[in-house]
Amino acid sequence: MRLTQVKAAKRYTLELEFDDGVCGVVDLGDLAGKGVFKAWEEAGAFESVEIGSGGEVNWPCGVDLCADALYLRLTGKSVEDIFPSVRAGSRVEL
């Protein structure tokens, strides 16, 4: 799956749409104000979200998030559900 649309919604929430038809809202309020995510507290910073050249979700303030991680949050699925070749305790060859 690939992220096709991202838009800031309410405070620290994103509206997401993926190319497999999955869409919905993800609340990132649990990250806001912590570490690098403190940058979102600047006026307009969170709202400037965009899809990066690698398919990640990013902000001009230097924060980025993996689209796969957001997909997992949105769907409630596990890594193994999305990537069946990854199994708990299995060795992954690179």
N, C-alpha and C. Protein backbone atom coordinates (compact mmCIF):
# COMPACT_ATOMS: atom_id res chain seq x y z
N MET A 1 0.83 -1.18 0.00
CA MET A 1 0.00 0.00 0.00
C MET A 1 0.88 1.25 0.00
N ARG A 2 0.35 2.28 -0.62
CA ARG A 2 1.07 3.54 -0.74
C ARG A 2 0.15 4.67 -0.34
N LEU A 3 0.68 5.61 0.40
CA LEU A 3 -0.09 6.78 0.82
C LEU A 3 -0.35 7.68 -0.37
N THR A 4 -1.61 8.05 -0.59
CA THR A 4 -1.95 8.90 -1.73
C THR A 4 -2.39 10.30 -1.31
N GLN A 5 -2.90 10.44 -0.08
CA GLN A 5 -3.33 11.75 0.39
C GLN A 5 -3.11 11.87 1.89
N VAL A 6 -2.73 13.07 2.31
CA VAL A 6 -2.63 13.38 3.74
C VAL A 6 -3.08 14.82 3.94
N LYS A 7 -3.83 15.03 5.01
CA LYS A 7 -4.33 16.36 5.32
C LYS A 7 -4.47 16.48 6.83
N ALA A 8 -4.01 17.61 7.37
CA ALA A 8 -4.21 17.86 8.80
C ALA A 8 -5.68 18.11 9.05
N ALA A 9 -6.20 17.48 10.06
CA ALA A 9 -7.60 17.67 10.44
C ALA A 9 -7.64 18.45 11.75
N LYS A 10 -8.32 17.92 12.74
CA LYS A 10 -8.33 18.57 14.05
C LYS A 10 -6.93 18.56 14.65
N ARG A 11 -6.79 19.16 15.79
CA ARG A 11 -5.49 19.28 16.46
C ARG A 11 -4.78 17.92 16.56
N TYR A 12 -3.64 17.82 15.89
CA TYR A 12 -2.78 16.64 15.89
C TYR A 12 -3.44 15.38 15.34
N THR A 13 -4.36 15.54 14.42
CA THR A 13 -4.93 14.39 13.72
C THR A 13 -4.72 14.57 12.22
N LEU A 14 -4.54 13.44 11.55
CA LEU A 14 -4.35 13.44 10.10
C LEU A 14 -5.43 12.62 9.43
N GLU A 15 -5.92 13.13 8.30
CA GLU A 15 -6.79 12.36 7.42
C GLU A 15 -5.87 11.71 6.39
N LEU A 16 -5.95 10.40 6.28
CA LEU A 16 -5.06 9.65 5.40
C LEU A 16 -5.86 8.85 4.39
N GLU A 17 -5.29 8.68 3.20
CA GLU A 17 -5.87 7.80 2.20
C GLU A 17 -4.74 7.02 1.53
N PHE A 18 -4.95 5.71 1.42
CA PHE A 18 -3.96 4.82 0.81
C PHE A 18 -4.49 4.26 -0.49
N ASP A 19 -3.59 3.80 -1.35
CA ASP A 19 -3.99 3.33 -2.68
C ASP A 19 -4.77 2.02 -2.66
N ASP A 20 -4.85 1.35 -1.51
CA ASP A 20 -5.67 0.14 -1.42
C ASP A 20 -7.10 0.44 -0.97
N GLY A 21 -7.44 1.74 -0.89
CA GLY A 21 -8.78 2.15 -0.51
C GLY A 21 -8.97 2.44 0.97
N VAL A 22 -7.99 2.09 1.78
CA VAL A 22 -8.08 2.37 3.21
C VAL A 22 -7.94 3.87 3.43
N CYS A 23 -8.86 4.43 4.20
CA CYS A 23 -8.79 5.84 4.55
C CYS A 23 -9.39 6.04 5.93
N GLY A 24 -8.98 7.12 6.58
CA GLY A 24 -9.47 7.41 7.91
C GLY A 24 -8.62 8.45 8.60
N VAL A 25 -8.88 8.60 9.88
CA VAL A 25 -8.21 9.63 10.68
C VAL A 25 -7.33 8.97 11.73
N VAL A 26 -6.11 9.48 11.87
CA VAL A 26 -5.17 9.00 12.88
C VAL A 26 -4.86 10.15 13.83
N ASP A 27 -4.99 9.88 15.11
CA ASP A 27 -4.70 10.86 16.15
C ASP A 27 -3.25 10.70 16.60
N LEU A 28 -2.46 11.77 16.44
CA LEU A 28 -1.06 11.75 16.83
C LEU A 28 -0.82 12.59 18.09
N GLY A 29 -1.88 12.90 18.80
CA GLY A 29 -1.77 13.72 20.01
C GLY A 29 -0.85 13.14 21.06
N ASP A 30 -0.68 11.82 21.07
CA ASP A 30 0.22 11.19 22.04
C ASP A 30 1.68 11.51 21.77
N LEU A 31 2.01 11.96 20.56
CA LEU A 31 3.38 12.31 20.21
C LEU A 31 3.67 13.80 20.42
N ALA A 32 2.64 14.62 20.27
CA ALA A 32 2.80 16.08 20.31
C ALA A 32 3.47 16.55 21.59
N GLY A 33 4.42 17.46 21.41
CA GLY A 33 5.09 18.07 22.55
C GLY A 33 6.26 17.27 23.11
N LYS A 34 6.52 16.10 22.52
CA LYS A 34 7.60 15.23 23.02
C LYS A 34 8.74 15.20 22.00
N GLY A 35 9.95 15.42 22.46
CA GLY A 35 11.12 15.33 21.58
C GLY A 35 10.98 16.18 20.33
N VAL A 36 11.24 15.57 19.17
CA VAL A 36 11.17 16.31 17.91
C VAL A 36 9.76 16.79 17.60
N PHE A 37 8.75 16.13 18.19
CA PHE A 37 7.36 16.49 17.93
C PHE A 37 6.95 17.79 18.63
N LYS A 38 7.82 18.34 19.44
CA LYS A 38 7.58 19.64 20.06
C LYS A 38 7.46 20.72 18.98
N ALA A 39 8.09 20.48 17.83
CA ALA A 39 8.04 21.43 16.71
C ALA A 39 6.61 21.67 16.23
N TRP A 40 5.71 20.70 16.43
CA TRP A 40 4.32 20.86 16.01
C TRP A 40 3.60 21.95 16.79
N GLU A 41 4.15 22.37 17.94
CA GLU A 41 3.50 23.38 18.76
C GLU A 41 3.60 24.78 18.17
N GLU A 42 4.53 24.97 17.21
CA GLU A 42 4.64 26.26 16.53
C GLU A 42 3.40 26.48 15.68
N ALA A 43 2.93 27.72 15.63
CA ALA A 43 1.72 28.05 14.86
C ALA A 43 1.84 27.58 13.41
N GLY A 44 0.88 26.79 12.95
CA GLY A 44 0.83 26.33 11.57
C GLY A 44 1.74 25.18 11.22
N ALA A 45 2.59 24.75 12.14
CA ALA A 45 3.56 23.70 11.83
C ALA A 45 2.89 22.37 11.49
N PHE A 46 1.97 21.92 12.32
CA PHE A 46 1.33 20.63 12.08
C PHE A 46 0.53 20.64 10.78
N GLU A 47 -0.10 21.74 10.50
CA GLU A 47 -0.96 21.87 9.32
C GLU A 47 -0.17 21.85 8.01
N SER A 48 1.14 22.00 8.06
CA SER A 48 1.95 22.03 6.84
C SER A 48 2.40 20.64 6.39
N VAL A 49 1.71 19.62 6.82
CA VAL A 49 2.03 18.23 6.50
C VAL A 49 1.95 17.97 4.99
N GLU A 50 2.79 17.06 4.51
CA GLU A 50 2.78 16.68 3.10
C GLU A 50 3.34 15.27 2.95
N ILE A 51 3.18 14.72 1.76
CA ILE A 51 3.77 13.42 1.45
C ILE A 51 5.15 13.69 0.86
N GLY A 52 6.17 13.06 1.44
CA GLY A 52 7.53 13.23 0.97
C GLY A 52 7.82 12.42 -0.28
N SER A 53 8.98 12.65 -0.86
CA SER A 53 9.36 11.98 -2.11
C SER A 53 9.49 10.47 -1.95
N GLY A 54 9.73 9.99 -0.73
CA GLY A 54 9.83 8.56 -0.47
C GLY A 54 8.54 7.94 0.01
N GLY A 55 7.45 8.70 0.00
CA GLY A 55 6.16 8.20 0.44
C GLY A 55 5.88 8.40 1.91
N GLU A 56 6.84 8.97 2.64
CA GLU A 56 6.66 9.24 4.06
C GLU A 56 5.79 10.48 4.27
N VAL A 57 5.30 10.63 5.48
CA VAL A 57 4.57 11.83 5.87
C VAL A 57 5.59 12.76 6.51
N ASN A 58 5.68 13.99 6.01
CA ASN A 58 6.67 14.88 6.61
C ASN A 58 6.17 16.31 6.75
N TRP A 59 6.91 17.04 7.56
CA TRP A 59 6.64 18.43 7.86
C TRP A 59 7.92 19.22 7.60
N PRO A 60 7.80 20.45 7.10
CA PRO A 60 8.98 21.28 6.85
C PRO A 60 9.84 21.53 8.09
N CYS A 61 9.29 21.34 9.27
CA CYS A 61 10.05 21.54 10.51
C CYS A 61 11.03 20.40 10.78
N GLY A 62 11.10 19.41 9.87
CA GLY A 62 12.07 18.33 10.00
C GLY A 62 11.53 17.04 10.59
N VAL A 63 10.25 16.98 10.87
CA VAL A 63 9.63 15.77 11.43
C VAL A 63 9.10 14.92 10.27
N ASP A 64 9.31 13.61 10.33
CA ASP A 64 8.68 12.72 9.36
C ASP A 64 8.27 11.42 10.03
N LEU A 65 7.27 10.79 9.45
CA LEU A 65 6.73 9.53 9.96
C LEU A 65 6.58 8.56 8.79
N CYS A 66 6.82 7.31 9.07
CA CYS A 66 6.69 6.25 8.08
C CYS A 66 5.21 6.02 7.77
N ALA A 67 4.87 6.00 6.49
CA ALA A 67 3.49 5.77 6.08
C ALA A 67 3.00 4.39 6.53
N ASP A 68 3.89 3.39 6.52
CA ASP A 68 3.50 2.04 6.97
C ASP A 68 3.07 2.06 8.43
N ALA A 69 3.81 2.79 9.26
CA ALA A 69 3.46 2.88 10.69
C ALA A 69 2.10 3.54 10.87
N LEU A 70 1.82 4.55 10.07
CA LEU A 70 0.52 5.22 10.14
C LEU A 70 -0.60 4.29 9.66
N TYR A 71 -0.31 3.48 8.65
CA TYR A 71 -1.27 2.50 8.15
C TYR A 71 -1.62 1.50 9.26
N LEU A 72 -0.60 1.03 9.98
CA LEU A 72 -0.84 0.10 11.09
C LEU A 72 -1.69 0.75 12.16
N ARG A 73 -1.40 2.00 12.48
CA ARG A 73 -2.19 2.72 13.49
C ARG A 73 -3.64 2.87 13.04
N LEU A 74 -3.82 3.20 11.79
CA LEU A 74 -5.15 3.43 11.24
C LEU A 74 -5.99 2.16 11.21
N THR A 75 -5.38 1.06 10.79
CA THR A 75 -6.13 -0.18 10.60
C THR A 75 -6.16 -1.08 11.83
N GLY A 76 -5.20 -0.88 12.74
CA GLY A 76 -5.10 -1.77 13.90
C GLY A 76 -4.46 -3.10 13.55
N LYS A 77 -3.94 -3.22 12.33
CA LYS A 77 -3.30 -4.45 11.92
C LYS A 77 -1.89 -4.54 12.49
N SER A 78 -1.34 -5.75 12.48
CA SER A 78 0.04 -5.96 12.94
C SER A 78 0.98 -5.94 11.74
N VAL A 79 2.26 -5.85 12.01
CA VAL A 79 3.27 -5.89 10.95
C VAL A 79 3.13 -7.19 10.16
N GLU A 80 2.90 -8.30 10.87
CA GLU A 80 2.76 -9.60 10.23
C GLU A 80 1.55 -9.66 9.31
N ASP A 81 0.48 -8.92 9.64
CA ASP A 81 -0.70 -8.88 8.78
C ASP A 81 -0.38 -8.22 7.44
N ILE A 82 0.43 -7.19 7.48
CA ILE A 82 0.74 -6.42 6.28
C ILE A 82 1.89 -7.05 5.49
N PHE A 83 2.86 -7.56 6.22
CA PHE A 83 4.06 -8.16 5.61
C PHE A 83 4.17 -9.60 6.09
N PRO A 84 3.46 -10.54 5.44
CA PRO A 84 3.42 -11.93 5.91
C PRO A 84 4.78 -12.60 6.01
N SER A 85 5.77 -12.14 5.26
CA SER A 85 7.08 -12.78 5.33
C SER A 85 7.78 -12.47 6.65
N VAL A 86 7.26 -11.50 7.38
CA VAL A 86 7.83 -11.16 8.68
C VAL A 86 7.03 -11.90 9.75
N ARG A 87 7.66 -12.76 10.44
CA ARG A 87 7.02 -13.52 11.52
C ARG A 87 7.80 -13.31 12.79
N ALA A 88 7.11 -13.29 13.91
CA ALA A 88 7.78 -13.13 15.20
C ALA A 88 8.83 -14.22 15.34
N GLY A 89 10.04 -13.81 15.64
CA GLY A 89 11.13 -14.74 15.86
C GLY A 89 11.80 -15.23 14.59
N SER A 90 11.28 -14.83 13.42
CA SER A 90 11.93 -15.28 12.19
C SER A 90 13.08 -14.36 11.83
N ARG A 91 14.00 -14.91 11.09
CA ARG A 91 15.18 -14.15 10.66
C ARG A 91 14.88 -13.53 9.29
N VAL A 92 15.16 -12.26 9.17
CA VAL A 92 14.95 -11.57 7.91
C VAL A 92 16.30 -11.35 7.24
N GLU A 93 16.44 -11.84 6.02
CA GLU A 93 17.68 -11.66 5.27
C GLU A 93 17.59 -10.34 4.49
N LEU A 94 18.64 -9.56 4.56
CA LEU A 94 18.69 -8.30 3.80
C LEU A 94 19.60 -8.42 2.62
